[in-house]
N, C-alpha and C. Protein backbone atom coordinates (compact mmCIF):
# COMPACT_ATOMS: atom_id res chain seq x y z
N MET A 1 -12.13 -68.20 -5.43
CA MET A 1 -12.64 -68.71 -4.35
C MET A 1 -12.90 -70.09 -4.34
N ARG A 2 -12.81 -70.79 -3.30
CA ARG A 2 -13.11 -72.34 -3.37
C ARG A 2 -14.54 -72.68 -3.63
N SER A 3 -14.84 -73.94 -3.88
CA SER A 3 -16.09 -74.32 -4.00
C SER A 3 -17.06 -73.84 -2.78
N ASN A 4 -18.20 -73.32 -3.07
CA ASN A 4 -19.01 -72.72 -2.01
C ASN A 4 -20.51 -72.93 -2.15
N ASP A 5 -21.17 -73.11 -0.99
CA ASP A 5 -22.51 -73.22 -0.96
C ASP A 5 -23.21 -71.88 -0.84
N ILE A 6 -24.15 -71.62 -1.81
CA ILE A 6 -24.78 -70.22 -1.91
C ILE A 6 -25.43 -69.88 -0.58
N ILE A 7 -26.03 -70.80 0.01
CA ILE A 7 -26.72 -70.48 1.35
C ILE A 7 -25.88 -70.48 2.68
N MET A 8 -25.14 -71.62 2.76
CA MET A 8 -24.32 -71.64 4.00
C MET A 8 -22.87 -71.08 3.93
N GLY A 9 -22.46 -70.66 2.86
CA GLY A 9 -21.17 -70.19 2.73
C GLY A 9 -20.95 -68.80 2.02
N LEU A 10 -21.48 -68.66 1.03
CA LEU A 10 -21.26 -67.37 0.21
C LEU A 10 -21.45 -66.13 0.93
N PRO A 11 -22.77 -65.99 1.49
CA PRO A 11 -23.06 -64.67 2.23
C PRO A 11 -22.09 -64.32 3.33
N TYR A 12 -21.63 -65.28 4.14
CA TYR A 12 -20.62 -65.13 5.22
C TYR A 12 -19.35 -64.74 4.62
N ASN A 13 -18.89 -65.47 3.53
CA ASN A 13 -17.65 -65.11 2.87
C ASN A 13 -17.64 -63.70 2.48
N ILE A 14 -18.61 -63.33 1.78
CA ILE A 14 -18.64 -61.78 1.25
C ILE A 14 -18.50 -60.79 2.48
N ILE A 15 -19.28 -61.19 3.54
CA ILE A 15 -19.03 -60.26 4.74
C ILE A 15 -17.60 -60.24 5.29
N GLN A 16 -17.05 -61.47 5.29
CA GLN A 16 -15.72 -61.66 5.82
C GLN A 16 -14.67 -60.93 4.90
N TRP A 17 -14.81 -61.16 3.69
CA TRP A 17 -13.79 -60.49 2.60
C TRP A 17 -13.86 -59.08 2.64
N THR A 18 -15.12 -58.63 2.59
CA THR A 18 -15.32 -57.11 2.46
C THR A 18 -15.03 -56.35 3.75
N LEU A 19 -15.13 -56.96 4.96
CA LEU A 19 -14.72 -56.46 6.21
C LEU A 19 -13.10 -56.37 6.09
N LEU A 20 -12.44 -57.32 5.61
CA LEU A 20 -11.11 -57.37 5.65
C LEU A 20 -10.55 -56.33 4.66
N GLN A 21 -11.35 -56.09 3.54
CA GLN A 21 -10.93 -55.15 2.43
C GLN A 21 -10.91 -53.76 3.12
N GLU A 22 -12.05 -53.44 3.86
CA GLU A 22 -12.27 -52.16 4.48
C GLU A 22 -11.16 -51.90 5.52
N ILE A 23 -10.87 -52.90 6.27
CA ILE A 23 -9.86 -52.63 7.40
C ILE A 23 -8.57 -52.33 6.79
N LEU A 24 -8.07 -53.09 5.82
CA LEU A 24 -6.87 -52.89 5.12
C LEU A 24 -6.75 -51.62 4.28
N ALA A 25 -7.85 -51.10 3.89
CA ALA A 25 -7.89 -49.77 3.21
C ALA A 25 -7.55 -48.75 4.45
N GLY A 26 -8.20 -48.89 5.62
CA GLY A 26 -7.98 -48.05 6.66
C GLY A 26 -6.49 -48.00 7.12
N TRP A 27 -5.90 -49.14 7.13
CA TRP A 27 -4.51 -49.25 7.56
C TRP A 27 -3.64 -48.70 6.60
N LEU A 28 -3.99 -48.76 5.20
CA LEU A 28 -3.07 -48.12 4.16
C LEU A 28 -3.43 -46.76 3.80
N ASN A 29 -4.52 -46.32 4.47
CA ASN A 29 -5.02 -44.93 4.23
C ASN A 29 -5.35 -44.70 2.79
N VAL A 30 -6.22 -45.55 2.18
CA VAL A 30 -6.51 -45.57 0.76
C VAL A 30 -8.14 -45.66 0.62
N GLU A 31 -8.70 -45.18 -0.36
CA GLU A 31 -10.09 -45.44 -0.60
C GLU A 31 -10.38 -46.73 -0.82
N MET A 32 -11.59 -47.20 -0.58
CA MET A 32 -12.21 -48.59 -0.86
C MET A 32 -12.17 -48.77 -2.38
N GLY A 33 -11.78 -49.99 -2.71
CA GLY A 33 -12.03 -50.30 -4.27
C GLY A 33 -13.28 -51.13 -4.28
N THR A 34 -13.41 -51.67 -5.40
CA THR A 34 -14.65 -52.58 -5.67
C THR A 34 -14.28 -53.89 -5.34
N TYR A 35 -15.17 -54.64 -4.72
CA TYR A 35 -15.04 -55.99 -4.29
C TYR A 35 -15.72 -56.82 -5.42
N THR A 36 -15.02 -57.73 -6.05
CA THR A 36 -15.43 -58.66 -7.04
C THR A 36 -15.27 -60.11 -6.47
N HIS A 37 -16.20 -60.90 -6.53
CA HIS A 37 -16.12 -62.28 -6.08
C HIS A 37 -16.24 -63.27 -7.15
N PHE A 38 -15.23 -64.17 -7.28
CA PHE A 38 -15.22 -65.14 -8.21
C PHE A 38 -15.24 -66.53 -7.54
N SER A 39 -16.05 -67.57 -8.03
CA SER A 39 -16.22 -68.81 -7.46
C SER A 39 -16.10 -69.76 -8.64
N ASP A 40 -15.19 -70.80 -8.44
CA ASP A 40 -15.29 -71.79 -9.48
C ASP A 40 -16.29 -72.84 -9.33
N SER A 41 -16.90 -72.91 -8.17
CA SER A 41 -17.91 -74.00 -8.05
C SER A 41 -18.97 -73.39 -6.93
N LEU A 42 -20.03 -72.92 -7.45
CA LEU A 42 -21.03 -72.16 -6.53
C LEU A 42 -22.28 -73.02 -6.61
N HIS A 43 -22.67 -73.62 -5.57
CA HIS A 43 -23.63 -74.66 -5.64
C HIS A 43 -24.81 -74.41 -4.65
N LEU A 44 -26.02 -74.93 -4.88
CA LEU A 44 -27.15 -74.95 -3.89
C LEU A 44 -27.55 -76.41 -3.74
N TYR A 45 -27.50 -76.85 -2.44
CA TYR A 45 -27.95 -78.22 -2.13
C TYR A 45 -29.50 -78.26 -2.24
N SER A 46 -30.09 -79.25 -2.91
CA SER A 46 -31.53 -79.35 -2.99
C SER A 46 -32.06 -79.35 -1.53
N ARG A 47 -31.56 -79.88 -0.55
CA ARG A 47 -32.13 -79.83 0.84
C ARG A 47 -32.31 -78.30 1.32
N ASP A 48 -31.54 -77.55 0.84
CA ASP A 48 -31.51 -76.11 1.17
C ASP A 48 -32.42 -75.22 0.30
N GLU A 49 -32.95 -75.78 -0.82
CA GLU A 49 -33.57 -74.82 -1.84
C GLU A 49 -34.82 -74.02 -1.17
N ASN A 50 -35.54 -74.68 -0.24
CA ASN A 50 -36.67 -73.98 0.40
C ASN A 50 -36.35 -73.41 1.76
N THR A 51 -35.03 -73.42 2.24
CA THR A 51 -34.76 -73.04 3.67
C THR A 51 -34.81 -71.61 3.71
N TYR A 52 -34.30 -70.91 2.93
CA TYR A 52 -34.16 -69.49 3.13
C TYR A 52 -34.79 -68.72 1.89
N ASP A 53 -35.16 -67.55 2.09
CA ASP A 53 -35.79 -66.88 1.03
C ASP A 53 -34.54 -65.99 0.32
N TYR A 54 -33.66 -66.78 -0.31
CA TYR A 54 -32.46 -66.18 -0.84
C TYR A 54 -32.59 -65.40 -2.24
N ARG A 55 -33.69 -65.85 -2.83
CA ARG A 55 -33.91 -65.11 -4.20
C ARG A 55 -34.16 -63.82 -3.94
N SER A 56 -34.98 -63.35 -3.13
CA SER A 56 -35.41 -61.96 -3.00
C SER A 56 -34.29 -61.23 -2.60
N LYS A 57 -33.49 -61.74 -1.57
CA LYS A 57 -32.39 -61.16 -1.14
C LYS A 57 -31.19 -60.83 -2.12
N LEU A 58 -31.03 -61.84 -3.02
CA LEU A 58 -29.97 -61.68 -3.98
C LEU A 58 -30.53 -60.70 -5.11
N ALA A 59 -31.73 -60.65 -5.31
CA ALA A 59 -32.39 -59.50 -6.22
C ALA A 59 -32.20 -58.13 -5.77
N GLY A 60 -32.23 -58.07 -4.52
CA GLY A 60 -32.15 -56.71 -3.73
C GLY A 60 -30.80 -56.05 -3.91
N GLY A 61 -29.80 -56.74 -4.17
CA GLY A 61 -28.45 -56.08 -4.28
C GLY A 61 -27.84 -55.95 -2.93
N HIS A 62 -27.05 -55.05 -2.59
CA HIS A 62 -26.15 -54.91 -1.43
C HIS A 62 -26.77 -53.65 -0.53
N ASP A 63 -26.26 -53.62 0.77
CA ASP A 63 -26.60 -52.60 1.61
C ASP A 63 -26.02 -51.29 0.98
N GLU A 64 -26.81 -50.22 1.06
CA GLU A 64 -26.44 -48.92 0.35
C GLU A 64 -25.61 -48.22 1.49
N GLU A 65 -26.06 -48.35 2.67
CA GLU A 65 -25.34 -47.68 3.85
C GLU A 65 -24.79 -48.65 4.78
N VAL A 66 -23.47 -48.60 4.74
CA VAL A 66 -22.94 -49.49 5.80
C VAL A 66 -21.75 -48.66 6.44
N PRO A 67 -21.64 -49.04 7.84
CA PRO A 67 -20.61 -48.14 8.52
C PRO A 67 -19.26 -48.38 8.12
N ASP A 68 -18.51 -47.42 8.27
CA ASP A 68 -17.00 -47.26 7.63
C ASP A 68 -16.12 -47.95 8.77
N LEU A 69 -15.43 -48.92 8.38
CA LEU A 69 -14.62 -49.65 9.39
C LEU A 69 -13.24 -49.29 9.22
N ARG A 70 -12.85 -48.17 8.33
CA ARG A 70 -11.51 -47.81 8.12
C ARG A 70 -10.99 -47.01 9.24
N LEU A 71 -9.90 -47.56 9.90
CA LEU A 71 -9.20 -46.87 11.00
C LEU A 71 -7.74 -47.13 10.73
N SER A 72 -6.93 -46.22 11.31
CA SER A 72 -5.43 -46.33 11.11
C SER A 72 -5.00 -47.65 11.83
N LEU A 73 -3.92 -48.13 11.42
CA LEU A 73 -3.38 -49.33 12.12
C LEU A 73 -3.26 -49.16 13.52
N ALA A 74 -2.94 -48.18 14.05
CA ALA A 74 -2.81 -47.77 15.55
C ALA A 74 -4.19 -47.91 16.18
N GLU A 75 -5.17 -47.25 15.65
CA GLU A 75 -6.38 -47.25 16.11
C GLU A 75 -7.08 -48.66 15.98
N SER A 76 -6.84 -49.37 14.90
CA SER A 76 -7.42 -50.71 14.72
C SER A 76 -6.86 -51.65 15.66
N ASP A 77 -5.50 -51.51 15.99
CA ASP A 77 -4.82 -52.36 17.01
C ASP A 77 -5.55 -52.30 18.27
N GLN A 78 -5.95 -51.11 18.74
CA GLN A 78 -6.54 -50.72 19.98
C GLN A 78 -8.07 -51.41 19.89
N VAL A 79 -8.78 -51.28 18.91
CA VAL A 79 -10.13 -51.75 18.71
C VAL A 79 -10.07 -53.35 18.76
N PHE A 80 -9.16 -53.91 18.07
CA PHE A 80 -9.09 -55.32 18.03
C PHE A 80 -8.62 -56.04 19.30
N LYS A 81 -7.83 -55.37 19.99
CA LYS A 81 -7.47 -55.78 21.39
C LYS A 81 -8.70 -55.80 22.34
N ALA A 82 -9.41 -54.72 22.21
CA ALA A 82 -10.65 -54.62 22.97
C ALA A 82 -11.73 -55.66 22.54
N LEU A 83 -11.84 -55.89 21.28
CA LEU A 83 -12.70 -57.03 20.78
C LEU A 83 -12.25 -58.34 21.27
N GLU A 84 -10.99 -58.56 21.23
CA GLU A 84 -10.45 -59.89 21.74
C GLU A 84 -10.78 -60.05 23.16
N SER A 85 -10.40 -59.00 23.93
CA SER A 85 -10.80 -59.13 25.45
C SER A 85 -12.27 -59.52 25.73
N ALA A 86 -13.03 -58.60 25.01
CA ALA A 86 -14.57 -58.85 25.27
C ALA A 86 -14.92 -60.16 24.78
N THR A 87 -14.41 -60.76 23.65
CA THR A 87 -14.79 -61.96 23.03
C THR A 87 -14.43 -63.11 24.02
N GLU A 88 -13.19 -63.05 24.62
CA GLU A 88 -12.69 -64.01 25.58
C GLU A 88 -13.61 -63.96 26.76
N ALA A 89 -14.07 -62.91 27.15
CA ALA A 89 -14.91 -62.73 28.42
C ALA A 89 -16.18 -63.39 28.06
N ILE A 90 -16.84 -63.06 27.00
CA ILE A 90 -18.16 -63.41 26.69
C ILE A 90 -18.12 -65.09 26.50
N ALA A 91 -17.03 -65.63 25.96
CA ALA A 91 -17.03 -67.03 25.82
C ALA A 91 -16.99 -67.71 26.99
N LEU A 92 -16.54 -67.18 28.12
CA LEU A 92 -16.59 -67.85 29.39
C LEU A 92 -17.76 -67.58 30.32
N GLU A 93 -18.58 -66.73 29.76
CA GLU A 93 -19.76 -66.27 30.50
C GLU A 93 -20.86 -67.24 30.41
N MET A 94 -21.62 -67.41 31.49
CA MET A 94 -22.78 -68.42 31.49
C MET A 94 -24.08 -67.63 31.79
N LYS A 95 -24.05 -66.40 32.12
CA LYS A 95 -25.35 -65.83 32.45
C LYS A 95 -25.58 -64.75 31.29
N PRO A 96 -26.79 -64.80 30.78
CA PRO A 96 -27.14 -63.90 29.70
C PRO A 96 -27.02 -62.36 30.04
N SER A 97 -27.33 -62.03 31.37
CA SER A 97 -26.95 -60.63 31.77
C SER A 97 -25.75 -60.14 31.56
N SER A 98 -24.83 -61.10 31.94
CA SER A 98 -23.34 -60.64 31.99
C SER A 98 -22.87 -60.60 30.51
N VAL A 99 -23.38 -61.48 29.65
CA VAL A 99 -22.99 -61.31 28.14
C VAL A 99 -23.38 -59.98 27.75
N HIS A 100 -24.69 -59.56 28.18
CA HIS A 100 -25.06 -58.36 27.54
C HIS A 100 -24.33 -57.24 28.16
N GLN A 101 -23.97 -57.27 29.37
CA GLN A 101 -23.21 -56.25 30.10
C GLN A 101 -21.88 -56.08 29.52
N ILE A 102 -21.19 -57.08 29.12
CA ILE A 102 -19.86 -57.17 28.51
C ILE A 102 -20.02 -56.35 27.17
N MET A 103 -20.96 -56.80 26.43
CA MET A 103 -21.22 -56.09 25.10
C MET A 103 -21.47 -54.62 25.20
N GLN A 104 -22.46 -54.31 26.17
CA GLN A 104 -22.70 -52.84 26.35
C GLN A 104 -21.58 -52.08 26.80
N SER A 105 -20.73 -52.60 27.71
CA SER A 105 -19.64 -51.69 28.33
C SER A 105 -18.44 -51.62 27.46
N LEU A 106 -18.31 -52.17 26.33
CA LEU A 106 -17.27 -52.18 25.49
C LEU A 106 -17.15 -50.82 24.70
N SER A 107 -16.16 -50.06 24.78
CA SER A 107 -15.99 -48.83 24.22
C SER A 107 -15.23 -48.94 22.92
N ILE A 108 -15.91 -48.97 21.95
CA ILE A 108 -15.31 -49.22 20.51
C ILE A 108 -16.15 -48.31 19.65
N PRO A 109 -15.45 -47.90 18.38
CA PRO A 109 -16.37 -47.15 17.38
C PRO A 109 -17.59 -47.86 16.95
N THR A 110 -18.59 -46.97 16.80
CA THR A 110 -19.85 -47.44 16.35
C THR A 110 -19.90 -48.53 15.29
N ALA A 111 -19.17 -48.24 14.15
CA ALA A 111 -19.08 -49.19 13.21
C ALA A 111 -18.67 -50.60 13.62
N TYR A 112 -17.91 -50.78 14.71
CA TYR A 112 -17.51 -52.10 15.15
C TYR A 112 -18.38 -52.77 16.08
N GLN A 113 -19.35 -52.03 16.66
CA GLN A 113 -20.34 -52.53 17.66
C GLN A 113 -21.12 -53.72 17.14
N PRO A 114 -21.52 -53.66 15.99
CA PRO A 114 -22.35 -54.81 15.45
C PRO A 114 -21.40 -56.20 15.45
N LEU A 115 -20.14 -56.05 15.38
CA LEU A 115 -19.21 -57.29 15.43
C LEU A 115 -19.25 -57.94 16.82
N ILE A 116 -19.30 -57.20 17.90
CA ILE A 116 -19.32 -57.73 19.14
C ILE A 116 -20.75 -58.16 19.40
N ALA A 117 -21.66 -57.59 18.88
CA ALA A 117 -23.16 -57.85 19.04
C ALA A 117 -23.39 -59.44 18.44
N ILE A 118 -22.72 -59.67 17.20
CA ILE A 118 -22.80 -60.88 16.71
C ILE A 118 -22.17 -62.00 17.60
N ILE A 119 -20.88 -61.65 18.21
CA ILE A 119 -20.40 -62.55 19.07
C ILE A 119 -21.27 -62.92 20.28
N ALA A 120 -21.81 -61.92 20.85
CA ALA A 120 -22.70 -61.97 22.02
C ALA A 120 -23.91 -62.81 21.70
N ALA A 121 -24.56 -62.53 20.46
CA ALA A 121 -25.80 -63.23 20.13
C ALA A 121 -25.46 -64.66 19.95
N GLU A 122 -24.28 -65.07 19.37
CA GLU A 122 -23.82 -66.45 19.23
C GLU A 122 -23.61 -67.08 20.54
N ARG A 123 -23.09 -66.39 21.55
CA ARG A 123 -22.79 -67.11 22.79
C ARG A 123 -24.41 -67.31 23.42
N LEU A 124 -25.12 -66.37 23.33
CA LEU A 124 -26.37 -66.60 23.99
C LEU A 124 -27.18 -67.70 23.30
N ARG A 125 -26.99 -67.81 21.95
CA ARG A 125 -27.67 -69.01 21.18
C ARG A 125 -27.09 -70.34 21.74
N ARG A 126 -25.78 -70.38 21.98
CA ARG A 126 -25.18 -71.56 22.42
C ARG A 126 -25.53 -71.82 23.93
N LEU A 127 -25.90 -70.83 24.68
CA LEU A 127 -26.29 -70.95 26.01
C LEU A 127 -27.75 -71.51 26.07
N GLY A 128 -28.35 -71.49 24.98
CA GLY A 128 -29.87 -71.94 24.91
C GLY A 128 -30.85 -70.66 25.16
N PHE A 129 -30.43 -69.58 24.79
CA PHE A 129 -31.27 -68.41 24.81
C PHE A 129 -31.51 -67.85 23.42
N PRO A 130 -32.22 -68.55 22.53
CA PRO A 130 -32.39 -68.02 21.12
C PRO A 130 -33.12 -66.88 21.08
N ASN A 131 -34.06 -66.57 21.91
CA ASN A 131 -34.83 -65.26 21.80
C ASN A 131 -33.90 -64.08 22.17
N LEU A 132 -33.08 -64.24 23.18
CA LEU A 132 -32.13 -63.13 23.48
C LEU A 132 -31.14 -62.86 22.45
N SER A 133 -30.81 -63.84 21.79
CA SER A 133 -29.80 -63.83 20.62
C SER A 133 -30.44 -63.02 19.56
N THR A 134 -31.61 -63.35 19.24
CA THR A 134 -32.51 -62.65 18.15
C THR A 134 -32.66 -61.18 18.57
N GLU A 135 -32.86 -60.91 19.80
CA GLU A 135 -33.16 -59.54 20.21
C GLU A 135 -31.78 -58.67 20.00
N ILE A 136 -30.70 -59.29 20.26
CA ILE A 136 -29.44 -58.54 20.11
C ILE A 136 -29.14 -58.34 18.62
N ILE A 137 -29.44 -59.39 17.74
CA ILE A 137 -29.31 -59.20 16.43
C ILE A 137 -30.21 -58.22 15.88
N ASP A 138 -31.38 -58.16 16.23
CA ASP A 138 -32.39 -56.94 15.81
C ASP A 138 -31.94 -55.71 16.13
N GLU A 139 -31.35 -55.51 17.54
CA GLU A 139 -31.13 -54.24 17.98
C GLU A 139 -29.72 -53.56 17.50
N LYS A 140 -28.87 -54.47 17.29
CA LYS A 140 -27.53 -53.94 17.13
C LYS A 140 -26.92 -54.14 15.74
N THR A 141 -27.63 -54.84 14.79
CA THR A 141 -27.15 -55.12 13.42
C THR A 141 -28.26 -54.65 12.44
N THR A 142 -27.88 -54.43 11.24
CA THR A 142 -28.84 -54.00 10.24
C THR A 142 -28.38 -54.68 8.83
N GLY A 143 -29.30 -54.70 7.90
CA GLY A 143 -28.98 -55.00 6.46
C GLY A 143 -28.55 -56.46 6.37
N ASP A 144 -27.51 -56.52 5.50
CA ASP A 144 -27.05 -57.87 5.12
C ASP A 144 -26.43 -58.72 6.29
N LEU A 145 -25.76 -57.97 7.21
CA LEU A 145 -25.25 -58.70 8.46
C LEU A 145 -26.42 -59.19 9.27
N GLN A 146 -27.45 -58.48 9.47
CA GLN A 146 -28.60 -58.79 10.19
C GLN A 146 -29.12 -60.03 9.55
N THR A 147 -29.47 -60.05 8.25
CA THR A 147 -29.90 -61.28 7.51
C THR A 147 -29.18 -62.49 7.65
N CYS A 148 -27.86 -62.32 7.61
CA CYS A 148 -26.85 -63.48 7.73
C CYS A 148 -26.98 -64.06 9.20
N ALA A 149 -26.98 -63.07 10.09
CA ALA A 149 -27.07 -63.68 11.49
C ALA A 149 -28.36 -64.31 11.78
N HIS A 150 -29.46 -63.75 11.31
CA HIS A 150 -30.77 -64.52 11.56
C HIS A 150 -30.74 -65.93 10.90
N ASN A 151 -30.23 -65.88 9.53
CA ASN A 151 -30.06 -67.20 8.88
C ASN A 151 -29.09 -68.20 9.57
N TRP A 152 -28.08 -67.71 10.19
CA TRP A 152 -27.18 -68.44 10.96
C TRP A 152 -27.86 -69.17 12.18
N ASN A 153 -28.74 -68.22 12.77
CA ASN A 153 -29.53 -68.84 14.02
C ASN A 153 -30.48 -69.86 13.60
N LYS A 154 -31.05 -69.74 12.44
CA LYS A 154 -32.01 -70.66 12.07
C LYS A 154 -31.31 -71.94 11.34
N GLY A 155 -30.05 -71.93 11.15
CA GLY A 155 -29.30 -73.06 10.54
C GLY A 155 -29.29 -74.37 11.49
N PRO A 156 -28.80 -75.36 10.89
CA PRO A 156 -28.89 -76.81 11.51
C PRO A 156 -27.65 -76.98 12.43
N ARG A 157 -27.20 -75.94 13.08
CA ARG A 157 -26.22 -76.19 14.18
C ARG A 157 -26.92 -76.48 15.47
N LYS A 158 -26.08 -77.14 16.23
CA LYS A 158 -26.43 -77.46 17.69
C LYS A 158 -25.72 -76.55 18.65
N PRO A 159 -26.47 -76.28 19.76
CA PRO A 159 -25.84 -75.35 20.73
C PRO A 159 -24.55 -75.88 21.20
């Protein structure tokens, strides 16, 4: 893995790579293997040292119960087409109620629903509705994904 910031990069990279690993395992119809992460330059900027309570999260290990994202390639294609259409619709939407409606009306497996929730939450954050964004994150995500989403919302990005 490339040089990485332990606060603003690593948690998101782990989620990204393990999601891909799980999806590919479904396509290949194999069991999940072990995810091992190597980094040649993992760092923490002094400006971020007190930004997040990363120490307790690192000590806690990983989520024990996570939804299973493994689907056959054909099923996965259908789900990702639905996610793509919903993402495009959410990106164009200006009203919070419509963003929520698109997210709620999407018919995808339960394990994939947190993914569209994160997309909807980010759209609401960018529209200037951080409280609604936080509500969706709290209602639709759990564990490490929820922690990363909350930390993303607290981060130094602009809408």
